[in-house]
Amino acid sequence: MSMLGRMESKVKQGREKGHVKGHVKGQGTRRPWRVPHACIAWGLGGLLAATPLLSQAQSTSWDLARSFSIGAAGTATHWRTGCLNTTQCDRNHTGWRLTAAWHFAPQGALEWVATDQGRVRAEGIGDQGLRSSELRMQGMGLNVAWLLPLNQEWQLAARAGIIGNRARFSETTVAVLGSEEYSRTRTDPMLGLGLSWKLNPSVSLDGRLDWTSTRLAPAPQSLIGGGSVPSHQWGLGLTAYF
């Protein structure tokens, strides 16, 4: 091998080692997992494809008098965001969900939803000592729900819609009194699945999983990574029909 070839090989090896070293040293250098737009399209397509099956369901199999419904639930949210050079990163938190729906058909409903998706909190040591970053997320949106009664007591639900997510960031440094706060709002897609169990003629117990993905834009000094960040929210609550 010529001398020029050996020099190019060494340079290439050095770049590869530097890349691996930087990746291991920075805990959050990995890119946040992103959901391709094709996944959302497939999910919506699957819901639409199930419409003929829903229309064949017997409306009497889920015997609840309904025109409207309201619901409340406690939730737990997991955020798939990256944390940068941190000593602690908590991506799981609890929150709540409120819903109000208009049942325009035996197997269809238009649903308003308001949700507190909890927080992400990260801590690390920087040039000015201990630093903490916190992200809190709340949202409000609209869903179209497809309802599939299974029998007299159980019902499945699939939802698709949009949600306005408001992200509030807080940056605190021990060496500096007070904290820096800022927020950002954007409209994002939302998908969900649910299973309901009828407790009595007008109330049901509901388990639900919702997915959304928003694009975060934290400050450059934030310990919480930016970019496209999905979240999963599990919930358990009650719904009243009237």
Protein backbone atom coordinates (compact mmCIF):
# COMPACT_ATOMS: atom_id res chain seq x y z
CA MET A 1 0.00 0.00 0.00
CA SER A 2 1.37 3.47 -0.87
CA MET A 3 2.18 6.05 1.78
CA LEU A 4 -0.79 8.18 0.65
CA GLY A 5 -3.12 5.19 1.00
CA ARG A 6 -1.86 4.46 4.54
CA MET A 7 -2.41 8.10 5.56
CA GLU A 8 -5.99 8.07 4.24
CA SER A 9 -6.66 4.83 6.11
CA LYS A 10 -5.39 6.30 9.40
CA VAL A 11 -7.49 9.43 8.96
CA LYS A 12 -10.60 7.34 8.32
CA GLN A 13 -9.93 5.18 11.40
CA GLY A 14 -9.43 8.28 13.54
CA ARG A 15 -12.79 9.70 12.40
CA GLU A 16 -14.58 6.47 13.20
CA LYS A 17 -13.02 6.30 16.70
CA GLY A 18 -13.90 9.92 17.38
CA HIS A 19 -17.51 9.31 16.30
CA VAL A 20 -17.88 6.29 18.61
CA LYS A 21 -16.23 8.09 21.53
CA GLY A 22 -18.53 11.10 21.21
CA HIS A 23 -21.58 8.86 20.98
CA VAL A 24 -20.70 6.99 24.18
CA LYS A 25 -19.75 10.09 26.15
CA GLY A 26 -22.95 12.03 25.38
CA GLN A 27 -25.86 10.08 26.81
CA GLY A 28 -28.40 11.92 24.70
CA THR A 29 -26.52 12.21 21.43
CA ARG A 30 -28.76 9.63 19.85
CA ARG A 31 -31.46 11.02 17.59
CA PRO A 32 -34.95 10.78 19.08
CA TRP A 33 -37.03 7.99 17.59
CA ARG A 34 -39.30 9.32 14.85
CA VAL A 35 -42.56 7.88 13.60
CA PRO A 36 -42.62 7.98 9.79
CA HIS A 37 -45.60 9.68 8.20
CA ALA A 38 -46.33 6.33 6.51
CA CYS A 39 -47.15 4.81 9.91
CA ILE A 40 -49.78 7.46 10.52
CA ALA A 41 -51.21 6.90 7.04
CA TRP A 42 -51.38 3.13 7.63
CA GLY A 43 -53.12 3.69 10.96
CA LEU A 44 -55.78 5.95 9.46
CA GLY A 45 -56.20 3.59 6.52
CA GLY A 46 -56.77 0.69 8.90
CA LEU A 47 -59.45 2.62 10.77
CA LEU A 48 -61.24 3.49 7.53
CA ALA A 49 -60.99 -0.12 6.33
CA ALA A 50 -62.73 -1.24 9.52
CA THR A 51 -65.75 0.99 8.86
CA PRO A 52 -67.80 -1.75 7.07
CA LEU A 53 -67.22 -4.05 10.04
CA LEU A 54 -68.35 -1.35 12.45
CA SER A 55 -71.49 -0.68 10.44
CA GLN A 56 -72.45 -4.37 10.74
CA ALA A 57 -72.29 -4.29 14.54
CA GLN A 58 -75.66 -4.43 16.23
CA SER A 59 -76.43 -1.17 17.98
CA THR A 60 -78.41 -3.08 20.61
CA SER A 61 -75.34 -5.09 21.68
CA TRP A 62 -74.05 -2.10 23.67
CA ASP A 63 -77.27 -1.02 25.34
CA LEU A 64 -76.54 2.54 26.51
CA ALA A 65 -78.88 5.42 25.72
CA ARG A 66 -76.55 7.94 24.16
CA SER A 67 -76.40 11.24 22.42
CA PHE A 68 -73.59 12.80 24.44
CA SER A 69 -70.96 11.62 26.89
CA ILE A 70 -68.39 13.15 29.23
CA GLY A 71 -65.39 11.41 30.76
CA ALA A 72 -62.47 11.90 33.13
CA ALA A 73 -59.37 9.75 33.60
CA GLY A 74 -56.06 9.58 35.37
CA THR A 75 -53.12 9.00 33.02
CA ALA A 76 -49.48 7.97 32.85
CA THR A 77 -47.29 9.29 30.00
CA HIS A 78 -43.94 8.13 28.62
CA TRP A 79 -41.94 10.56 26.44
CA ARG A 80 -39.33 9.19 24.03
CA THR A 81 -37.07 12.24 24.16
CA GLY A 82 -33.31 12.32 24.46
CA CYS A 83 -31.46 13.80 27.45
CA LEU A 84 -28.05 15.41 26.87
CA ASN A 85 -25.11 14.83 29.28
CA THR A 86 -27.37 14.32 32.28
CA THR A 87 -27.02 12.68 35.68
CA GLN A 88 -30.77 12.09 35.87
CA CYS A 89 -33.53 11.97 33.26
CA ASP A 90 -37.17 11.19 34.10
CA ARG A 91 -39.37 10.63 31.03
CA ASN A 92 -42.41 9.19 32.86
CA HIS A 93 -45.07 11.17 34.65
CA THR A 94 -48.76 11.19 35.58
CA GLY A 95 -51.50 13.52 34.39
CA TRP A 96 -55.19 13.64 33.50
CA ARG A 97 -57.59 13.58 30.56
CA LEU A 98 -61.06 15.12 30.08
CA THR A 99 -63.38 14.23 27.18
CA ALA A 100 -66.76 15.30 25.82
CA ALA A 101 -68.30 13.53 22.83
CA TRP A 102 -71.26 13.83 20.51
CA HIS A 103 -72.45 10.42 19.30
CA PHE A 104 -73.70 11.19 15.79
CA ALA A 105 -74.17 7.50 14.87
CA PRO A 106 -74.42 4.13 16.68
CA GLN A 107 -70.76 3.42 15.80
CA GLY A 108 -69.39 6.96 15.48
CA ALA A 109 -68.61 9.94 17.69
CA LEU A 110 -66.92 13.34 17.50
CA GLU A 111 -64.78 13.79 20.61
CA TRP A 112 -63.21 16.85 22.25
CA VAL A 113 -60.26 16.05 24.49
CA ALA A 114 -58.14 18.06 26.92
CA THR A 115 -55.09 16.40 28.44
CA ASP A 116 -52.20 17.00 30.79
CA GLN A 117 -49.34 14.86 29.48
CA GLY A 118 -47.10 15.31 32.50
CA ARG A 119 -43.47 16.41 32.39
CA VAL A 120 -39.93 15.42 31.45
CA ARG A 121 -37.25 16.43 33.96
CA ALA A 122 -33.47 16.26 33.52
CA GLU A 123 -30.54 17.23 35.75
CA GLY A 124 -26.85 17.61 34.97
CA ILE A 125 -23.68 19.40 36.06
CA GLY A 126 -22.40 22.21 33.84
CA ASP A 127 -20.01 25.15 34.00
CA GLN A 128 -22.26 26.97 36.50
CA GLY A 129 -22.92 23.96 38.71
CA LEU A 130 -26.06 21.87 38.97
CA ARG A 131 -28.56 22.59 36.20
CA SER A 132 -32.09 21.29 35.71
CA SER A 133 -34.39 21.37 32.68
CA GLU A 134 -38.10 20.64 32.76
CA LEU A 135 -40.69 20.22 30.02
CA ARG A 136 -44.43 20.24 30.73
CA MET A 137 -46.99 19.42 28.06
CA GLN A 138 -50.71 20.05 27.83
CA GLY A 139 -53.01 19.78 24.84
CA MET A 140 -56.53 20.17 23.48
CA GLY A 141 -57.87 18.52 20.34
CA LEU A 142 -60.63 16.81 18.34
CA ASN A 143 -61.00 13.12 17.46
CA VAL A 144 -63.29 11.05 15.30
CA ALA A 145 -64.02 7.78 17.13
CA TRP A 146 -65.05 4.47 15.58
CA LEU A 147 -66.97 2.32 18.11
CA LEU A 148 -67.23 -1.47 17.91
CA PRO A 149 -69.59 -3.14 20.44
CA LEU A 150 -68.37 -6.64 21.31
CA ASN A 151 -71.32 -7.77 23.46
CA GLN A 152 -73.69 -6.39 26.10
CA GLU A 153 -70.82 -5.20 28.35
CA TRP A 154 -67.69 -4.55 26.25
CA GLN A 155 -66.86 -2.09 23.49
CA LEU A 156 -63.72 -1.28 21.48
CA ALA A 157 -62.90 2.21 20.23
CA ALA A 158 -60.36 3.53 17.71
CA ARG A 159 -59.64 7.26 17.41
CA ALA A 160 -57.86 9.59 15.00
CA GLY A 161 -57.58 13.36 15.11
CA ILE A 162 -55.45 16.40 15.81
CA ILE A 163 -54.29 18.05 19.02
CA GLY A 164 -52.81 21.44 19.86
CA ASN A 165 -49.83 20.67 22.12
CA ARG A 166 -48.41 23.44 24.32
CA ALA A 167 -44.90 22.75 25.59
CA ARG A 168 -43.59 24.83 28.50
CA PHE A 169 -39.86 24.74 29.22
CA SER A 170 -38.11 25.75 32.44
CA GLU A 171 -34.32 26.06 32.82
CA THR A 172 -32.79 26.46 36.30
CA THR A 173 -29.14 26.84 37.36
CA VAL A 174 -28.02 26.78 40.99
CA ALA A 175 -25.53 29.61 40.44
CA VAL A 176 -28.26 31.88 39.01
CA LEU A 177 -31.25 33.04 41.03
CA GLY A 178 -34.60 32.33 39.43
CA SER A 179 -35.32 30.33 36.28
CA GLU A 180 -35.81 30.89 32.57
CA GLU A 181 -39.22 29.91 31.18
CA TYR A 182 -40.63 29.85 27.68
CA SER A 183 -43.32 27.96 25.74
CA ARG A 184 -44.27 26.76 22.27
CA THR A 185 -47.58 25.59 20.74
CA ARG A 186 -48.10 23.50 17.62
CA THR A 187 -50.75 21.22 16.05
CA ASP A 188 -49.91 17.51 15.92
CA PRO A 189 -51.59 14.22 14.91
CA MET A 190 -53.17 11.97 17.52
CA LEU A 191 -54.19 8.29 17.40
CA GLY A 192 -55.82 6.19 20.10
CA LEU A 193 -57.30 2.83 21.08
CA GLY A 194 -59.68 2.08 23.92
CA LEU A 195 -61.68 -0.66 25.64
CA SER A 196 -64.82 0.11 27.69
CA TRP A 197 -66.71 -2.01 30.21
CA LYS A 198 -70.30 -1.06 31.06
CA LEU A 199 -70.77 -0.66 34.82
CA ASN A 200 -74.45 0.32 34.68
CA PRO A 201 -76.95 1.61 32.06
CA SER A 202 -75.30 5.05 31.91
CA VAL A 203 -71.64 4.69 33.06
CA SER A 204 -68.64 2.79 31.68
CA LEU A 205 -65.09 2.11 32.89
CA ASP A 206 -62.58 2.95 30.15
CA GLY A 207 -58.99 1.93 29.49
CA ARG A 208 -57.27 3.95 26.78
CA LEU A 209 -53.93 4.40 25.01
CA ASP A 210 -53.22 7.58 23.03
CA TRP A 211 -50.21 8.40 20.83
CA THR A 212 -49.02 11.78 19.62
CA SER A 213 -45.76 13.22 18.33
CA THR A 214 -44.66 16.83 18.64
CA ARG A 215 -41.54 18.74 17.59
CA LEU A 216 -39.67 20.24 20.54
CA ALA A 217 -37.46 23.32 20.24
CA PRO A 218 -35.72 23.76 23.61
CA ALA A 219 -33.08 26.40 24.30
CA PRO A 220 -29.51 25.52 23.19
CA GLN A 221 -28.42 25.09 26.82
CA SER A 222 -31.32 22.75 27.68
CA LEU A 223 -30.59 19.23 28.90
CA ILE A 224 -33.69 17.96 27.05
CA GLY A 225 -33.17 17.08 23.39
CA GLY A 226 -35.22 18.60 20.59
CA GLY A 227 -36.65 17.37 17.32
CA SER A 228 -39.62 15.11 16.67
CA VAL A 229 -40.61 13.44 19.97
CA PRO A 230 -43.45 10.88 20.31
CA SER A 231 -45.31 10.08 23.50
CA HIS A 232 -47.60 7.31 24.71
CA GLN A 233 -50.30 8.02 27.28
CA TRP A 234 -52.19 5.29 29.14
CA GLY A 235 -55.37 6.21 30.98
CA LEU A 236 -58.08 4.68 33.18
CA GLY A 237 -61.30 6.53 33.93
CA LEU A 238 -65.08 6.77 33.79
CA THR A 239 -67.48 7.95 31.10
CA ALA A 240 -71.10 9.01 31.66
CA TYR A 241 -73.65 8.81 28.80
CA PHE A 242 -76.81 10.91 28.55
